[in-house]
């Protein structure tokens, strides 16, 4: 309500309208919550800031292209990921999903277009309308805010679970070992492995190793988490524990971009879903809409084989 209104009558009328609107929104929200499952995910931040300006996307891709030699992998990707959103990427093998994920933290360099995280260009700076690649040290500094979990766990085999989680905060952020130890222990508890702190990777199952890998990424306190098919290398009976950890992260409001074949996870937890094929975005929307009523023939064909 504006603070510049001079008329008492107008103020009263505006207040009444505001109250009615708030009551209507509260009723709608209560109705929506009542229909949700028992696992409730935290609301993503509002689309606008308090100043009325649109919130900066956590990830924004504009005409992103990527080639390996003569192979054109990404062919003009345009998409946005809002803060607090769980954004799922699905599609057949070779469609460019994992390549795009790796471009987000500059593990792969894009050939054309723009890619930004939280308003900052990935791997480049702009000067006088031209893009200049950042130095390796600058890229590494920005990458600290992005956690990534790979298909393979990539744990250090000579370190215990606790030591794997402590390593980056101590070596990269310069944290004391005492502080890093305390956070690592808490993260192991969070992923259900508090009793495995002293175990080496070879003493852990695949699902346990992947949960340690998630805890290791969280130890850097990222604002964005990238998951590249985190359950694809696991035995079926181990998938559920990893997905449960990811659901908890989503419930806490972590922004996540997830390349996945777990359609149940995408349907239950995802806020947005993109189907990619041959390096382009074929279809996008809310996961339940895309998965239950796909509009594009290629999406229909893909889903008929995986659902």
Protein backbone atom coordinates (compact mmCIF):
# COMPACT_ATOMS: atom_id res chain seq x y z
CA UNK A 1 0.00 0.00 0.00
CA UNK A 2 1.39 3.41 -0.96
CA UNK A 3 2.54 5.69 1.85
CA UNK A 4 1.85 8.80 -0.29
CA UNK A 5 -1.95 8.67 -0.14
CA UNK A 6 -3.39 11.69 1.65
CA UNK A 7 -7.02 10.81 1.83
CA UNK A 8 -8.09 8.83 4.89
CA UNK A 9 -10.95 7.39 2.91
CA UNK A 10 -8.70 6.25 0.12
CA UNK A 11 -6.31 4.74 2.63
CA UNK A 12 -9.08 2.77 4.29
CA UNK A 13 -10.36 1.54 0.93
CA UNK A 14 -6.87 0.49 -0.19
CA UNK A 15 -6.28 -1.30 3.09
CA UNK A 16 -9.53 -3.19 2.68
CA UNK A 17 -8.56 -4.30 -0.82
CA UNK A 18 -5.12 -5.39 0.41
CA UNK A 19 -6.67 -7.41 3.21
CA UNK A 20 -9.12 -9.06 0.83
CA UNK A 21 -6.33 -9.94 -1.57
CA UNK A 22 -4.17 -11.36 1.24
CA UNK A 23 -7.08 -13.43 2.52
CA UNK A 24 -7.75 -14.76 -0.98
CA UNK A 25 -4.09 -15.69 -1.50
CA UNK A 26 -3.90 -17.33 1.93
CA UNK A 27 -6.97 -19.44 1.18
CA UNK A 28 -5.58 -20.50 -2.18
CA UNK A 29 -2.23 -21.38 -0.63
CA UNK A 30 -3.86 -23.40 2.13
CA UNK A 31 -5.91 -25.32 -0.40
CA UNK A 32 -2.84 -26.06 -2.48
CA UNK A 33 -0.82 -27.25 0.52
CA UNK A 34 -3.63 -29.53 1.62
CA UNK A 35 -3.37 -31.42 -1.66
CA UNK A 36 0.38 -31.94 -1.48
CA UNK A 37 2.12 -35.08 -0.25
CA UNK A 38 3.60 -35.28 3.20
CA UNK A 39 7.02 -34.28 1.86
CA UNK A 40 6.75 -30.53 1.40
CA UNK A 41 9.44 -28.70 -0.50
CA UNK A 42 10.46 -25.20 0.57
CA UNK A 43 9.03 -22.42 -1.55
CA UNK A 44 11.42 -20.87 -4.05
CA UNK A 45 12.15 -17.17 -3.52
CA UNK A 46 9.65 -14.75 -5.04
CA UNK A 47 10.06 -13.78 -8.66
CA UNK A 48 10.50 -10.15 -7.67
CA UNK A 49 12.65 -8.46 -5.07
CA UNK A 50 11.38 -6.03 -2.46
CA UNK A 51 12.29 -3.14 -4.76
CA UNK A 52 9.96 -4.49 -7.43
CA UNK A 53 12.80 -5.55 -9.74
CA UNK A 54 12.81 -9.04 -11.23
CA UNK A 55 15.02 -11.48 -9.31
CA UNK A 56 18.26 -12.45 -11.03
CA UNK A 57 18.08 -16.02 -12.39
CA UNK A 58 20.45 -18.43 -10.71
CA UNK A 59 21.28 -19.84 -14.15
CA UNK A 60 20.64 -18.12 -17.45
CA UNK A 61 21.60 -19.55 -20.84
CA UNK A 62 21.25 -17.44 -23.97
CA UNK A 63 21.95 -19.05 -27.33
CA UNK A 64 24.57 -21.41 -25.89
CA UNK A 65 26.51 -23.43 -28.46
CA UNK A 66 29.17 -26.06 -27.84
CA UNK A 67 31.14 -28.17 -30.32
CA UNK A 68 33.78 -30.84 -30.04
CA UNK A 69 35.65 -30.67 -33.31
CA UNK A 70 33.03 -31.06 -36.04
CA UNK A 71 30.42 -32.44 -33.63
CA UNK A 72 27.90 -29.72 -32.76
CA UNK A 73 26.65 -30.78 -29.30
CA UNK A 74 24.66 -27.76 -28.08
CA UNK A 75 22.76 -25.81 -30.71
CA UNK A 76 21.49 -22.62 -29.14
CA UNK A 77 20.25 -23.45 -25.64
CA UNK A 78 18.00 -20.84 -24.03
CA UNK A 79 16.72 -21.43 -20.49
CA UNK A 80 16.54 -19.94 -17.02
CA UNK A 81 16.70 -21.49 -13.55
CA UNK A 82 15.20 -19.47 -10.71
CA UNK A 83 16.75 -19.31 -7.23
CA UNK A 84 15.48 -22.19 -5.09
CA UNK A 85 14.25 -24.13 -8.12
CA UNK A 86 14.76 -27.83 -8.85
CA UNK A 87 15.36 -27.90 -12.60
CA UNK A 88 15.40 -31.33 -14.26
CA UNK A 89 16.97 -32.17 -17.62
CA UNK A 90 15.91 -35.35 -19.38
CA UNK A 91 16.56 -36.80 -22.79
CA UNK A 92 18.30 -39.63 -24.64
CA UNK A 93 22.02 -40.29 -24.36
CA UNK A 94 24.01 -37.90 -26.52
CA UNK A 95 21.38 -35.16 -26.41
CA UNK A 96 23.76 -32.66 -24.74
CA UNK A 97 22.41 -32.74 -21.18
CA UNK A 98 25.67 -33.53 -19.40
CA UNK A 99 27.66 -31.24 -21.67
CA UNK A 100 25.37 -28.34 -20.81
CA UNK A 101 25.71 -29.12 -17.11
CA UNK A 102 29.50 -29.07 -17.40
CA UNK A 103 29.33 -25.74 -19.20
CA UNK A 104 27.53 -24.17 -16.24
CA UNK A 105 30.68 -24.36 -14.10
CA UNK A 106 33.07 -23.94 -17.04
CA UNK A 107 34.35 -27.50 -17.06
CA UNK A 108 33.54 -27.16 -20.76
CA UNK A 109 33.94 -23.85 -22.58
CA UNK A 110 31.03 -22.67 -24.69
CA UNK A 111 31.72 -21.63 -28.30
CA UNK A 112 28.95 -19.05 -28.62
CA UNK A 113 26.19 -17.44 -26.58
CA UNK A 114 26.12 -16.40 -22.94
CA UNK A 115 25.89 -18.39 -19.75
CA UNK A 116 25.62 -16.78 -16.32
CA UNK A 117 25.25 -17.93 -12.72
CA UNK A 118 23.62 -15.53 -10.27
CA UNK A 119 24.13 -12.65 -12.67
CA UNK A 120 27.84 -13.30 -13.36
CA UNK A 121 29.09 -14.63 -16.68
CA UNK A 122 30.55 -18.12 -16.48
CA UNK A 123 34.23 -18.19 -17.41
CA UNK A 124 34.23 -14.75 -19.04
CA UNK A 125 34.10 -11.05 -18.33
CA UNK A 126 32.56 -8.44 -20.58
CA UNK A 127 34.40 -5.26 -21.54
CA UNK A 128 33.29 -2.79 -24.18
CA UNK A 129 30.79 -5.29 -25.56
CA UNK A 130 33.37 -8.06 -25.95
CA UNK A 131 33.88 -11.22 -23.91
CA UNK A 132 37.28 -12.12 -22.48
CA UNK A 133 38.04 -15.46 -20.89
CA UNK A 134 38.89 -15.35 -17.21
CA UNK A 135 42.16 -16.65 -15.83
CA UNK A 136 42.16 -20.09 -14.31
CA UNK A 137 42.40 -18.63 -10.81
CA UNK A 138 39.35 -16.42 -11.42
CA UNK A 139 37.37 -19.34 -12.84
CA UNK A 140 38.26 -21.48 -9.81
CA UNK A 141 37.17 -18.71 -7.44
CA UNK A 142 33.73 -18.48 -9.05
CA UNK A 143 33.42 -22.25 -9.21
CA UNK A 144 33.52 -22.39 -5.40
CA UNK A 145 29.87 -21.37 -5.30
CA UNK A 146 28.81 -24.28 -7.53
CA UNK A 147 28.73 -27.83 -6.22
CA UNK A 148 28.76 -30.72 -8.67
CA UNK A 149 28.00 -34.41 -8.20
CA UNK A 150 29.08 -36.70 -11.02
CA UNK A 151 27.89 -40.10 -12.24
CA UNK A 152 31.04 -41.59 -10.76
CA UNK A 153 31.81 -40.57 -7.24
CA UNK A 154 35.42 -39.39 -7.77
CA UNK A 155 36.31 -39.70 -4.10
CA UNK A 156 39.98 -39.71 -3.09
CA UNK A 157 40.65 -43.40 -2.44
CA UNK A 158 43.43 -42.73 0.09
CA UNK A 159 41.21 -40.52 2.28
CA UNK A 160 38.42 -41.47 4.66
CA UNK A 161 34.88 -40.23 4.11
CA UNK A 162 35.47 -37.45 6.64
CA UNK A 163 38.79 -36.43 5.07
CA UNK A 164 37.24 -36.33 1.59
CA UNK A 165 34.67 -33.81 2.82
CA UNK A 166 37.24 -31.72 4.73
CA UNK A 167 39.73 -31.43 1.88
CA UNK A 168 38.25 -28.61 -0.24
CA UNK A 169 37.27 -26.27 2.63
CA UNK A 170 40.78 -26.53 4.08
CA UNK A 171 42.77 -26.38 0.84
CA UNK A 172 40.58 -24.02 -1.20
CA UNK A 173 38.85 -21.81 1.35
CA UNK A 174 41.60 -21.87 3.97
CA UNK A 175 39.34 -23.06 6.78
CA UNK A 176 40.85 -24.42 9.95
CA UNK A 177 40.90 -28.19 10.22
CA UNK A 178 38.81 -27.99 13.38
CA UNK A 179 36.03 -26.03 11.63
CA UNK A 180 36.18 -28.26 8.55
CA UNK A 181 36.06 -31.39 10.73
CA UNK A 182 32.98 -30.13 12.55
CA UNK A 183 31.12 -29.33 9.31
CA UNK A 184 32.18 -32.61 7.67
CA UNK A 185 30.89 -34.61 10.63
CA UNK A 186 27.59 -32.73 10.54
CA UNK A 187 27.26 -33.31 6.79
CA UNK A 188 27.87 -37.03 7.17
CA UNK A 189 25.08 -37.12 9.73
CA UNK A 190 22.88 -35.20 7.31
CA UNK A 191 23.34 -37.78 4.55
CA UNK A 192 22.86 -40.67 6.97
CA UNK A 193 26.49 -41.75 7.22
CA UNK A 194 27.53 -40.47 10.61
CA UNK A 195 28.91 -43.88 11.50
CA UNK A 196 31.08 -44.10 8.36
CA UNK A 197 33.40 -41.15 9.01
CA UNK A 198 36.50 -43.33 9.30
CA UNK A 199 35.71 -45.58 6.34
CA UNK A 200 37.63 -45.40 3.07
CA UNK A 201 35.74 -45.36 -0.25
CA UNK A 202 36.60 -49.01 -0.89
CA UNK A 203 34.76 -49.86 2.33
CA UNK A 204 31.56 -48.12 1.22
CA UNK A 205 28.81 -49.19 -1.17
CA UNK A 206 28.20 -47.20 -4.33
CA UNK A 207 25.21 -45.44 -2.80
CA UNK A 208 27.20 -44.55 0.30
CA UNK A 209 30.05 -43.19 -1.82
CA UNK A 210 27.62 -41.03 -3.75
CA UNK A 211 26.17 -39.65 -0.53
CA UNK A 212 29.71 -38.79 0.62
CA UNK A 213 30.21 -37.05 -2.74
CA UNK A 214 27.07 -34.98 -2.12
CA UNK A 215 28.30 -34.08 1.38
CA UNK A 216 31.67 -33.11 -0.10
CA UNK A 217 30.00 -30.73 -2.54
CA UNK A 218 27.89 -29.23 0.25
CA UNK A 219 30.98 -28.62 2.38
CA UNK A 220 31.84 -25.64 0.16
CA UNK A 221 28.44 -24.11 1.00
CA UNK A 222 27.40 -23.67 -2.64
CA UNK A 223 24.47 -21.59 -3.84
CA UNK A 224 23.91 -23.96 -6.78
CA UNK A 225 24.14 -27.75 -7.00
CA UNK A 226 24.61 -29.63 -10.27
CA UNK A 227 23.80 -33.36 -10.45
CA UNK A 228 24.91 -35.35 -13.49
CA UNK A 229 22.83 -38.55 -13.42
CA UNK A 230 23.85 -39.21 -9.79
CA UNK A 231 22.08 -42.58 -9.60
CA UNK A 232 22.96 -44.03 -13.01
CA UNK A 233 25.96 -46.02 -11.71
CA UNK A 234 24.12 -47.44 -8.69
CA UNK A 235 22.42 -50.76 -8.13
CA UNK A 236 18.64 -50.27 -8.06
CA UNK A 237 18.34 -50.96 -4.33
CA UNK A 238 20.82 -48.15 -3.56
CA UNK A 239 19.11 -45.44 -5.60
CA UNK A 240 16.48 -44.55 -3.00
CA UNK A 241 18.95 -43.40 -0.33
CA UNK A 242 20.63 -40.97 -2.73
CA UNK A 243 17.31 -39.60 -3.97
CA UNK A 244 16.18 -39.11 -0.37
CA UNK A 245 19.21 -36.88 0.28
CA UNK A 246 18.43 -34.88 -2.86
CA UNK A 247 14.80 -34.49 -1.77
CA UNK A 248 15.96 -33.13 1.57
CA UNK A 249 18.16 -30.59 -0.22
CA UNK A 250 15.21 -29.54 -2.35
CA UNK A 251 13.05 -29.17 0.75
CA UNK A 252 15.69 -26.85 2.22
CA UNK A 253 15.48 -24.59 -0.84
CA UNK A 254 18.74 -25.50 -2.56
CA UNK A 255 18.85 -24.50 -6.23
CA UNK A 256 19.49 -27.68 -8.19
CA UNK A 257 20.00 -28.56 -11.86
CA UNK A 258 19.59 -32.30 -12.22
CA UNK A 259 20.32 -34.45 -15.27
CA UNK A 260 18.31 -37.56 -14.53
CA UNK A 261 16.54 -40.65 -15.80
CA UNK A 262 14.59 -40.89 -12.54
CA UNK A 263 11.20 -39.71 -13.80
CA UNK A 264 9.56 -40.30 -10.44
CA UNK A 265 12.01 -37.90 -8.80
CA UNK A 266 11.43 -35.30 -11.52
CA UNK A 267 7.67 -35.58 -11.13
CA UNK A 268 7.68 -35.44 -7.34
CA UNK A 269 10.42 -32.93 -6.60
CA UNK A 270 11.05 -30.94 -9.79
CA UNK A 271 9.74 -27.43 -10.38
CA UNK A 272 10.65 -27.32 -14.07
CA UNK A 273 11.59 -29.95 -16.63
CA UNK A 274 13.31 -29.68 -19.99
CA UNK A 275 13.44 -32.44 -22.59
CA UNK A 276 16.53 -32.17 -24.78
CA UNK A 277 17.34 -34.00 -27.98
CA UNK A 278 20.11 -33.51 -30.51
CA UNK A 279 21.46 -30.44 -28.72
CA UNK A 280 18.24 -28.43 -28.53
CA UNK A 281 15.43 -27.88 -26.05
CA UNK A 282 12.48 -29.76 -27.54
CA UNK A 283 9.92 -29.20 -24.80
CA UNK A 284 9.76 -27.62 -21.37
CA UNK A 285 7.25 -27.04 -18.60
CA UNK A 286 6.17 -28.33 -15.22
CA UNK A 287 7.36 -31.93 -14.80
CA UNK A 288 3.89 -33.38 -14.30
CA UNK A 289 2.59 -31.62 -17.43
CA UNK A 290 5.48 -32.72 -19.63
CA UNK A 291 5.55 -36.29 -18.31
CA UNK A 292 1.80 -36.92 -18.42
CA UNK A 293 0.80 -34.84 -21.43
CA UNK A 294 3.80 -34.17 -23.71
CA UNK A 295 2.99 -31.98 -26.69
CA UNK A 296 5.91 -32.76 -28.98
CA UNK A 297 6.03 -36.03 -30.92
CA UNK A 298 9.71 -36.58 -30.07
CA UNK A 299 8.98 -36.17 -26.34
CA UNK A 300 6.09 -38.62 -26.62
CA UNK A 301 8.32 -41.17 -28.32
CA UNK A 302 11.05 -40.87 -25.68
CA UNK A 303 8.71 -41.07 -22.71
CA UNK A 304 6.88 -44.08 -24.13
CA UNK A 305 10.14 -46.01 -23.78
CA UNK A 306 11.16 -44.90 -20.29
CA UNK A 307 7.90 -44.60 -18.36
